[in-house]
Amino acid sequence: MGILGWIIFGALAGLIASLITGRNERQGCLMNIIVGIIGASLGGWIMSLFGGSGVTGFNLPSFLVAVLGAVVLLAIVNFIFGRR
């Protein structure tokens, strides 16, 4: 994917993950993009530990992996910094 694809993919994954974890009202669009991109990398790494494939393009399985990684990332952030 190109840089624009990663930005759109990250924004969508970050938005869904922030809605799941209840952090949506505290993070803006830029933070959703950052969380989504880092979450996609984290989700790909987690999936590789279990023998699955990570983010392979803009498709549903890759999107679910990215959302899973972003939810894990936000759960770790919530654990470290607490819910405010």
PDB file of N, CA and C in Angstrom:
ATOM      1  N   MET A   1       0.841  -1.181   0.000  1.00  0.00           N
ATOM      2  CA  MET A   1       0.000   0.000   0.000  1.00  0.00           C
ATOM      3  C   MET A   1       0.881   1.237   0.000  1.00  0.00           C
ATOM      4  N   GLY A   2       0.376   2.271  -0.607  1.00  0.00           N
ATOM      5  CA  GLY A   2       1.073   3.545  -0.599  1.00  0.00           C
ATOM      6  C   GLY A   2       0.803   4.283   0.701  1.00  0.00           C
ATOM      7  N   ILE A   3       1.431   5.416   0.835  1.00  0.00           N
ATOM      8  CA  ILE A   3       1.306   6.196   2.070  1.00  0.00           C
ATOM      9  C   ILE A   3      -0.135   6.655   2.291  1.00  0.00           C
ATOM     10  N   LEU A   4      -0.835   7.037   1.229  1.00  0.00           N
ATOM     11  CA  LEU A   4      -2.222   7.452   1.376  1.00  0.00           C
ATOM     12  C   LEU A   4      -3.104   6.285   1.808  1.00  0.00           C
ATOM     13  N   GLY A   5      -2.823   5.107   1.287  1.00  0.00           N
ATOM     14  CA  GLY A   5      -3.554   3.908   1.706  1.00  0.00           C
ATOM     15  C   GLY A   5      -3.349   3.600   3.176  1.00  0.00           C
ATOM     16  N   TRP A   6      -2.103   3.733   3.649  1.00  0.00           N
ATOM     17  CA  TRP A   6      -1.822   3.502   5.070  1.00  0.00           C
ATOM     18  C   TRP A   6      -2.527   4.525   5.957  1.00  0.00           C
ATOM     19  N   ILE A   7      -2.604   5.761   5.501  1.00  0.00           N
ATOM     20  CA  ILE A   7      -3.275   6.802   6.289  1.00  0.00           C
ATOM     21  C   ILE A   7      -4.766   6.508   6.406  1.00  0.00           C
ATOM     22  N   ILE A   8      -5.403   6.166   5.292  1.00  0.00           N
ATOM     23  CA  ILE A   8      -6.834   5.851   5.314  1.00  0.00           C
ATOM     24  C   ILE A   8      -7.090   4.587   6.133  1.00  0.00           C
ATOM     25  N   PHE A   9      -6.292   3.555   5.890  1.00  0.00           N
ATOM     26  CA  PHE A   9      -6.410   2.286   6.618  1.00  0.00           C
ATOM     27  C   PHE A   9      -6.219   2.506   8.115  1.00  0.00           C
ATOM     28  N   GLY A  10      -5.200   3.283   8.478  1.00  0.00           N
ATOM     29  CA  GLY A  10      -4.927   3.576   9.884  1.00  0.00           C
ATOM     30  C   GLY A  10      -6.029   4.384  10.531  1.00  0.00           C
ATOM     31  N   ALA A  11      -6.577   5.350   9.793  1.00  0.00           N
ATOM     32  CA  ALA A  11      -7.654   6.168  10.345  1.00  0.00           C
ATOM     33  C   ALA A  11      -8.885   5.324  10.639  1.00  0.00           C
ATOM     34  N   LEU A  12      -9.241   4.445   9.733  1.00  0.00           N
ATOM     35  CA  LEU A  12     -10.408   3.582   9.941  1.00  0.00           C
ATOM     36  C   LEU A  12     -10.186   2.595  11.085  1.00  0.00           C
ATOM     37  N   ALA A  13      -9.026   1.944  11.091  1.00  0.00           N
ATOM     38  CA  ALA A  13      -8.730   0.976  12.155  1.00  0.00           C
ATOM     39  C   ALA A  13      -8.639   1.675  13.509  1.00  0.00           C
ATOM     40  N   GLY A  14      -8.006   2.830  13.567  1.00  0.00           N
ATOM     41  CA  GLY A  14      -7.898   3.576  14.817  1.00  0.00           C
ATOM     42  C   GLY A  14      -9.241   4.053  15.324  1.00  0.00           C
ATOM     43  N   LEU A  15     -10.107   4.481  14.408  1.00  0.00           N
ATOM     44  CA  LEU A  15     -11.445   4.932  14.796  1.00  0.00           C
ATOM     45  C   LEU A  15     -12.258   3.790  15.392  1.00  0.00           C
ATOM     46  N   ILE A  16     -12.263   2.642  14.735  1.00  0.00           N
ATOM     47  CA  ILE A  16     -13.013   1.486  15.237  1.00  0.00           C
ATOM     48  C   ILE A  16     -12.453   1.042  16.590  1.00  0.00           C
ATOM     49  N   ALA A  17     -11.126   0.990  16.709  1.00  0.00           N
ATOM     50  CA  ALA A  17     -10.515   0.573  17.970  1.00  0.00           C
ATOM     51  C   ALA A  17     -10.819   1.557  19.093  1.00  0.00           C
ATOM     52  N   SER A  18     -10.818   2.846  18.793  1.00  0.00           N
ATOM     53  CA  SER A  18     -11.118   3.829  19.840  1.00  0.00           C
ATOM     54  C   SER A  18     -12.580   3.756  20.257  1.00  0.00           C
ATOM     55  N   LEU A  19     -13.473   3.419  19.330  1.00  0.00           N
ATOM     56  CA  LEU A  19     -14.875   3.219  19.692  1.00  0.00           C
ATOM     57  C   LEU A  19     -15.044   1.984  20.579  1.00  0.00           C
ATOM     58  N   ILE A  20     -14.307   0.928  20.268  1.00  0.00           N
ATOM     59  CA  ILE A  20     -14.390  -0.310  21.059  1.00  0.00           C
ATOM     60  C   ILE A  20     -13.876  -0.079  22.478  1.00  0.00           C
ATOM     61  N   THR A  21     -12.773   0.645  22.612  1.00  0.00           N
ATOM     62  CA  THR A  21     -12.161   0.842  23.928  1.00  0.00           C
ATOM     63  C   THR A  21     -12.711   2.043  24.683  1.00  0.00           C
ATOM     64  N   GLY A  22     -13.557   2.834  24.057  1.00  0.00           N
ATOM     65  CA  GLY A  22     -14.157   3.984  24.737  1.00  0.00           C
ATOM     66  C   GLY A  22     -13.267   5.201  24.821  1.00  0.00           C
ATOM     67  N   ARG A  23     -12.269   5.316  23.957  1.00  0.00           N
ATOM     68  CA  ARG A  23     -11.358   6.464  23.975  1.00  0.00           C
ATOM     69  C   ARG A  23     -11.653   7.454  22.866  1.00  0.00           C
ATOM     70  N   ASN A  24     -12.733   7.278  22.129  1.00  0.00           N
ATOM     71  CA  ASN A  24     -12.972   8.088  20.942  1.00  0.00           C
ATOM     72  C   ASN A  24     -13.125   9.574  21.251  1.00  0.00           C
ATOM     73  N   GLU A  25     -13.746   9.906  22.376  1.00  0.00           N
ATOM     74  CA  GLU A  25     -13.964  11.316  22.669  1.00  0.00           C
ATOM     75  C   GLU A  25     -12.685  12.035  23.079  1.00  0.00           C
ATOM     76  N   ARG A  26     -11.611  11.305  23.358  1.00  0.00           N
ATOM     77  CA  ARG A  26     -10.370  11.936  23.803  1.00  0.00           C
ATOM     78  C   ARG A  26      -9.288  11.968  22.748  1.00  0.00           C
ATOM     79  N   GLN A  27      -9.502  11.335  21.614  1.00  0.00           N
ATOM     80  CA  GLN A  27      -8.450  11.363  20.609  1.00  0.00           C
ATOM     81  C   GLN A  27      -9.023  11.816  19.283  1.00  0.00           C
ATOM     82  N   GLY A  28      -8.260  12.602  18.594  1.00  0.00           N
ATOM     83  CA  GLY A  28      -8.712  13.172  17.337  1.00  0.00           C
ATOM     84  C   GLY A  28      -8.326  12.315  16.147  1.00  0.00           C
ATOM     85  N   CYS A  29      -8.474  12.882  14.987  1.00  0.00           N
ATOM     86  CA  CYS A  29      -8.222  12.171  13.744  1.00  0.00           C
ATOM     87  C   CYS A  29      -6.753  11.756  13.606  1.00  0.00           C
ATOM     88  N   LEU A  30      -5.841  12.655  13.935  1.00  0.00           N
ATOM     89  CA  LEU A  30      -4.421  12.340  13.821  1.00  0.00           C
ATOM     90  C   LEU A  30      -4.045  11.193  14.754  1.00  0.00           C
ATOM     91  N   MET A  31      -4.565  11.207  15.957  1.00  0.00           N
ATOM     92  CA  MET A  31      -4.268  10.128  16.894  1.00  0.00           C
ATOM     93  C   MET A  31      -4.870   8.814  16.409  1.00  0.00           C
ATOM     94  N   ASN A  32      -6.063   8.850  15.803  1.00  0.00           N
ATOM     95  CA  ASN A  32      -6.650   7.636  15.232  1.00  0.00           C
ATOM     96  C   ASN A  32      -5.756   7.051  14.143  1.00  0.00           C
ATOM     97  N   ILE A  33      -5.196   7.912  13.307  1.00  0.00           N
ATOM     98  CA  ILE A  33      -4.297   7.454  12.245  1.00  0.00           C
ATOM     99  C   ILE A  33      -3.061   6.802  12.839  1.00  0.00           C
ATOM    100  N   ILE A  34      -2.454   7.456  13.820  1.00  0.00           N
ATOM    101  CA  ILE A  34      -1.244   6.925  14.444  1.00  0.00           C
ATOM    102  C   ILE A  34      -1.535   5.596  15.138  1.00  0.00           C
ATOM    103  N   VAL A  35      -2.624   5.539  15.902  1.00  0.00           N
ATOM    104  CA  VAL A  35      -2.993   4.309  16.604  1.00  0.00           C
ATOM    105  C   VAL A  35      -3.288   3.198  15.598  1.00  0.00           C
ATOM    106  N   GLY A  36      -3.961   3.532  14.508  1.00  0.00           N
ATOM    107  CA  GLY A  36      -4.288   2.530  13.501  1.00  0.00           C
ATOM    108  C   GLY A  36      -3.068   1.966  12.804  1.00  0.00           C
ATOM    109  N   ILE A  37      -2.113   2.822  12.453  1.00  0.00           N
ATOM    110  CA  ILE A  37      -0.905   2.355  11.771  1.00  0.00           C
ATOM    111  C   ILE A  37      -0.042   1.531  12.709  1.00  0.00           C
ATOM    112  N   ILE A  38       0.161   2.009  13.927  1.00  0.00           N
ATOM    113  CA  ILE A  38       0.941   1.234  14.898  1.00  0.00           C
ATOM    114  C   ILE A  38       0.194  -0.048  15.253  1.00  0.00           C
ATOM    115  N   GLY A  39      -1.124   0.037  15.373  1.00  0.00           N
ATOM    116  CA  GLY A  39      -1.935  -1.141  15.653  1.00  0.00           C
ATOM    117  C   GLY A  39      -1.851  -2.184  14.551  1.00  0.00           C
ATOM    118  N   ALA A  40      -1.795  -1.736  13.296  1.00  0.00           N
ATOM    119  CA  ALA A  40      -1.651  -2.673  12.177  1.00  0.00           C
ATOM    120  C   ALA A  40      -0.319  -3.408  12.270  1.00  0.00           C
ATOM    121  N   SER A  41       0.730  -2.692  12.609  1.00  0.00           N
ATOM    122  CA  SER A  41       2.035  -3.336  12.778  1.00  0.00           C
ATOM    123  C   SER A  41       2.019  -4.307  13.957  1.00  0.00           C
ATOM    124  N   LEU A  42       1.437  -3.876  15.063  1.00  0.00           N
ATOM    125  CA  LEU A  42       1.342  -4.731  16.247  1.00  0.00           C
ATOM    126  C   LEU A  42       0.469  -5.950  15.972  1.00  0.00           C
ATOM    127  N   GLY A  43      -0.655  -5.756  15.306  1.00  0.00           N
ATOM    128  CA  GLY A  43      -1.526  -6.874  14.962  1.00  0.00           C
ATOM    129  C   GLY A  43      -0.850  -7.855  14.026  1.00  0.00           C
ATOM    130  N   GLY A  44      -0.094  -7.349  13.060  1.00  0.00           N
ATOM    131  CA  GLY A  44       0.669  -8.226  12.164  1.00  0.00           C
ATOM    132  C   GLY A  44       1.702  -9.037  12.912  1.00  0.00           C
ATOM    133  N   TRP A  45       2.352  -8.401  13.869  1.00  0.00           N
ATOM    134  CA  TRP A  45       3.344  -9.118  14.672  1.00  0.00           C
ATOM    135  C   TRP A  45       2.680 -10.194  15.527  1.00  0.00           C
ATOM    136  N   ILE A  46       1.541  -9.866  16.140  1.00  0.00           N
ATOM    137  CA  ILE A  46       0.806 -10.836  16.957  1.00  0.00           C
ATOM    138  C   ILE A  46       0.364 -12.013  16.091  1.00  0.00           C
ATOM    139  N   MET A  47      -0.154 -11.726  14.908  1.00  0.00           N
ATOM    140  CA  MET A  47      -0.606 -12.802  14.019  1.00  0.00           C
ATOM    141  C   MET A  47       0.553 -13.675  13.554  1.00  0.00           C
ATOM    142  N   SER A  48       1.723 -13.095  13.351  1.00  0.00           N
ATOM    143  CA  SER A  48       2.872 -13.891  12.931  1.00  0.00           C
ATOM    144  C   SER A  48       3.328 -14.840  14.039  1.00  0.00           C
ATOM    145  N   LEU A  49       3.089 -14.465  15.297  1.00  0.00           N
ATOM    146  CA  LEU A  49       3.426 -15.361  16.400  1.00  0.00           C
ATOM    147  C   LEU A  49       2.563 -16.621  16.386  1.00  0.00           C
ATOM    148  N   PHE A  50       1.340 -16.492  15.882  1.00  0.00           N
ATOM    149  CA  PHE A  50       0.412 -17.615  15.825  1.00  0.00           C
ATOM    150  C   PHE A  50       0.382 -18.275  14.449  1.00  0.00           C
ATOM    151  N   GLY A  51       1.289 -17.908  13.577  1.00  0.00           N
ATOM    152  CA  GLY A  51       1.390 -18.541  12.273  1.00  0.00           C
ATOM    153  C   GLY A  51       0.459 -17.979  11.218  1.00  0.00           C
ATOM    154  N   GLY A  52      -0.230 -16.909  11.513  1.00  0.00           N
ATOM    155  CA  GLY A  52      -1.137 -16.301  10.537  1.00  0.00           C
ATOM    156  C   GLY A  52      -0.431 -15.235   9.724  1.00  0.00           C
ATOM    157  N   SER A  53      -1.166 -14.668   8.805  1.00  0.00           N
ATOM    158  CA  SER A  53      -0.595 -13.579   8.008  1.00  0.00           C
ATOM    159  C   SER A  53      -1.029 -12.246   8.619  1.00  0.00           C
ATOM    160  N   GLY A  54      -0.222 -11.263   8.422  1.00  0.00           N
ATOM    161  CA  GLY A  54      -0.500  -9.950   8.991  1.00  0.00           C
ATOM    162  C   GLY A  54      -1.290  -9.094   8.033  1.00  0.00           C
ATOM    163  N   VAL A  55      -0.909  -7.847   7.916  1.00  0.00           N
ATOM    164  CA  VAL A  55      -1.582  -6.905   7.040  1.00  0.00           C
ATOM    165  C   VAL A  55      -0.993  -7.065   5.645  1.00  0.00           C
ATOM    166  N   THR A  56      -1.822  -7.544   4.710  1.00  0.00           N
ATOM    167  CA  THR A  56      -1.339  -7.836   3.358  1.00  0.00           C
ATOM    168  C   THR A  56      -1.924  -6.911   2.305  1.00  0.00           C
ATOM    169  N   GLY A  57      -2.679  -5.948   2.696  1.00  0.00           N
ATOM    170  CA  GLY A  57      -3.292  -5.014   1.761  1.00  0.00           C
ATOM    171  C   GLY A  57      -4.564  -4.455   2.374  1.00  0.00           C
ATOM    172  N   PHE A  58      -5.334  -3.793   1.549  1.00  0.00           N
ATOM    173  CA  PHE A  58      -6.575  -3.185   2.023  1.00  0.00           C
ATOM    174  C   PHE A  58      -7.699  -4.188   1.790  1.00  0.00           C
ATOM    175  N   ASN A  59      -7.848  -5.154   2.709  1.00  0.00           N
ATOM    176  CA  ASN A  59      -8.905  -6.154   2.631  1.00  0.00           C
ATOM    177  C   ASN A  59      -9.441  -6.430   4.029  1.00  0.00           C
ATOM    178  N   LEU A  60     -10.516  -7.201   4.123  1.00  0.00           N
ATOM    179  CA  LEU A  60     -11.179  -7.413   5.410  1.00  0.00           C
ATOM    180  C   LEU A  60     -10.299  -8.133   6.436  1.00  0.00           C
ATOM    181  N   PRO A  61      -9.614  -9.237   6.074  1.00  0.00           N
ATOM    182  CA  PRO A  61      -8.759  -9.882   7.089  1.00  0.00           C
ATOM    183  C   PRO A  61      -7.658  -8.957   7.617  1.00  0.00           C
ATOM    184  N   SER A  62      -7.053  -8.174   6.733  1.00  0.00           N
ATOM    185  CA  SER A  62      -6.025  -7.232   7.170  1.00  0.00           C
ATOM    186  C   SER A  62      -6.610  -6.144   8.053  1.00  0.00           C
ATOM    187  N   PHE A  63      -7.822  -5.698   7.719  1.00  0.00           N
ATOM    188  CA  PHE A  63      -8.479  -4.681   8.528  1.00  0.00           C
ATOM    189  C   PHE A  63      -8.772  -5.209   9.927  1.00  0.00           C
ATOM    190  N   LEU A  64      -9.228  -6.448  10.019  1.00  0.00           N
ATOM    191  CA  LEU A  64      -9.505  -7.042  11.333  1.00  0.00           C
ATOM    192  C   LEU A  64      -8.230  -7.207  12.154  1.00  0.00           C
ATOM    193  N   VAL A  65      -7.130  -7.562  11.493  1.00  0.00           N
ATOM    194  CA  VAL A  65      -5.834  -7.659  12.182  1.00  0.00           C
ATOM    195  C   VAL A  65      -5.406  -6.285  12.680  1.00  0.00           C
ATOM    196  N   ALA A  66      -5.593  -5.255  11.861  1.00  0.00           N
ATOM    197  CA  ALA A  66      -5.218  -3.894  12.265  1.00  0.00           C
ATOM    198  C   ALA A  66      -6.064  -3.410  13.435  1.00  0.00           C
ATOM    199  N   VAL A  67      -7.360  -3.691  13.402  1.00  0.00           N
ATOM    200  CA  VAL A  67      -8.236  -3.289  14.512  1.00  0.00           C
ATOM    201  C   VAL A  67      -7.846  -4.045  15.781  1.00  0.00           C
ATOM    202  N   LEU A  68      -7.560  -5.339  15.658  1.00  0.00           N
ATOM    203  CA  LEU A  68      -7.120  -6.127  16.822  1.00  0.00           C
ATOM    204  C   LEU A  68      -5.853  -5.527  17.427  1.00  0.00           C
ATOM    205  N   GLY A  69      -4.889  -5.206  16.597  1.00  0.00           N
ATOM    206  CA  GLY A  69      -3.650  -4.601  17.090  1.00  0.00           C
ATOM    207  C   GLY A  69      -3.880  -3.241  17.729  1.00  0.00           C
ATOM    208  N   ALA A  70      -4.763  -2.443  17.138  1.00  0.00           N
ATOM    209  CA  ALA A  70      -5.056  -1.118  17.695  1.00  0.00           C
ATOM    210  C   ALA A  70      -5.788  -1.238  19.027  1.00  0.00           C
ATOM    211  N   VAL A  71      -6.686  -2.219  19.157  1.00  0.00           N
ATOM    212  CA  VAL A  71      -7.378  -2.433  20.440  1.00  0.00           C
ATOM    213  C   VAL A  71      -6.378  -2.856  21.503  1.00  0.00           C
ATOM    214  N   VAL A  72      -5.451  -3.742  21.143  1.00  0.00           N
ATOM    215  CA  VAL A  72      -4.414  -4.162  22.096  1.00  0.00           C
ATOM    216  C   VAL A  72      -3.562  -2.962  22.499  1.00  0.00           C
ATOM    217  N   LEU A  73      -3.186  -2.146  21.529  1.00  0.00           N
ATOM    218  CA  LEU A  73      -2.383  -0.956  21.825  1.00  0.00           C
ATOM    219  C   LEU A  73      -3.118  -0.010  22.765  1.00  0.00           C
ATOM    220  N   LEU A  74      -4.391   0.260  22.508  1.00  0.00           N
ATOM    221  CA  LEU A  74      -5.155   1.153  23.378  1.00  0.00           C
ATOM    222  C   LEU A  74      -5.399   0.540  24.751  1.00  0.00           C
ATOM    223  N   ALA A  75      -5.539  -0.777  24.827  1.00  0.00           N
ATOM    224  CA  ALA A  75      -5.687  -1.429  26.130  1.00  0.00           C
ATOM    225  C   ALA A  75      -4.410  -1.280  26.950  1.00  0.00           C
ATOM    226  N   ILE A  76      -3.265  -1.392  26.291  1.00  0.00           N
ATOM    227  CA  ILE A  76      -1.985  -1.201  26.986  1.00  0.00           C
ATOM    228  C   ILE A  76      -1.861   0.250  27.458  1.00  0.00           C
ATOM    229  N   VAL A  77      -2.230   1.200  26.606  1.00  0.00           N
ATOM    230  CA  VAL A  77      -2.181   2.615  26.989  1.00  0.00           C
ATOM    231  C   VAL A  77      -3.119   2.880  28.163  1.00  0.00           C
ATOM    232  N   ASN A  78      -4.333   2.311  28.127  1.00  0.00           N
ATOM    233  CA  ASN A  78      -5.265   2.478  29.239  1.00  0.00           C
ATOM    234  C   ASN A  78      -4.718   1.886  30.530  1.00  0.00           C
ATOM    235  N   PHE A  79      -4.027   0.755  30.422  1.00  0.00           N
ATOM    236  CA  PHE A  79      -3.459   0.115  31.600  1.00  0.00           C
ATOM    237  C   PHE A  79      -2.331   0.948  32.204  1.00  0.00           C
ATOM    238  N   ILE A  80      -1.470   1.474  31.345  1.00  0.00           N
ATOM    239  CA  ILE A  80      -0.302   2.243  31.813  1.00  0.00           C
ATOM    240  C   ILE A  80      -0.719   3.606  32.370  1.00  0.00           C
ATOM    241  N   PHE A  81      -1.534   4.325  31.621  1.00  0.00           N
ATOM    242  CA  PHE A  81      -1.871   5.699  32.004  1.00  0.00           C
ATOM    243  C   PHE A  81      -3.204   5.816  32.727  1.00  0.00           C
ATOM    244  N   GLY A  82      -3.963   4.757  32.772  1.00  0.00           N
ATOM    245  CA  GLY A  82      -5.252   4.795  33.453  1.00  0.00           C
ATOM    246  C   GLY A  82      -6.284   5.500  32.636  1.00  0.00           C
ATOM    247  N   ARG A  83      -7.519   5.275  32.968  1.00  0.00           N
ATOM    248  CA  ARG A  83      -8.628   5.932  32.279  1.00  0.00           C
ATOM    249  C   ARG A  83      -8.927   7.236  32.979  1.00  0.00           C
ATOM    250  N   ARG A  84      -8.897   8.312  32.268  1.00  0.00           N
ATOM    251  CA  ARG A  84      -9.140   9.632  32.854  1.00  0.00           C
ATOM    252  C   ARG A  84     -10.459  10.179  32.409  1.00  0.00           C
TER     253      ARG A  84
END
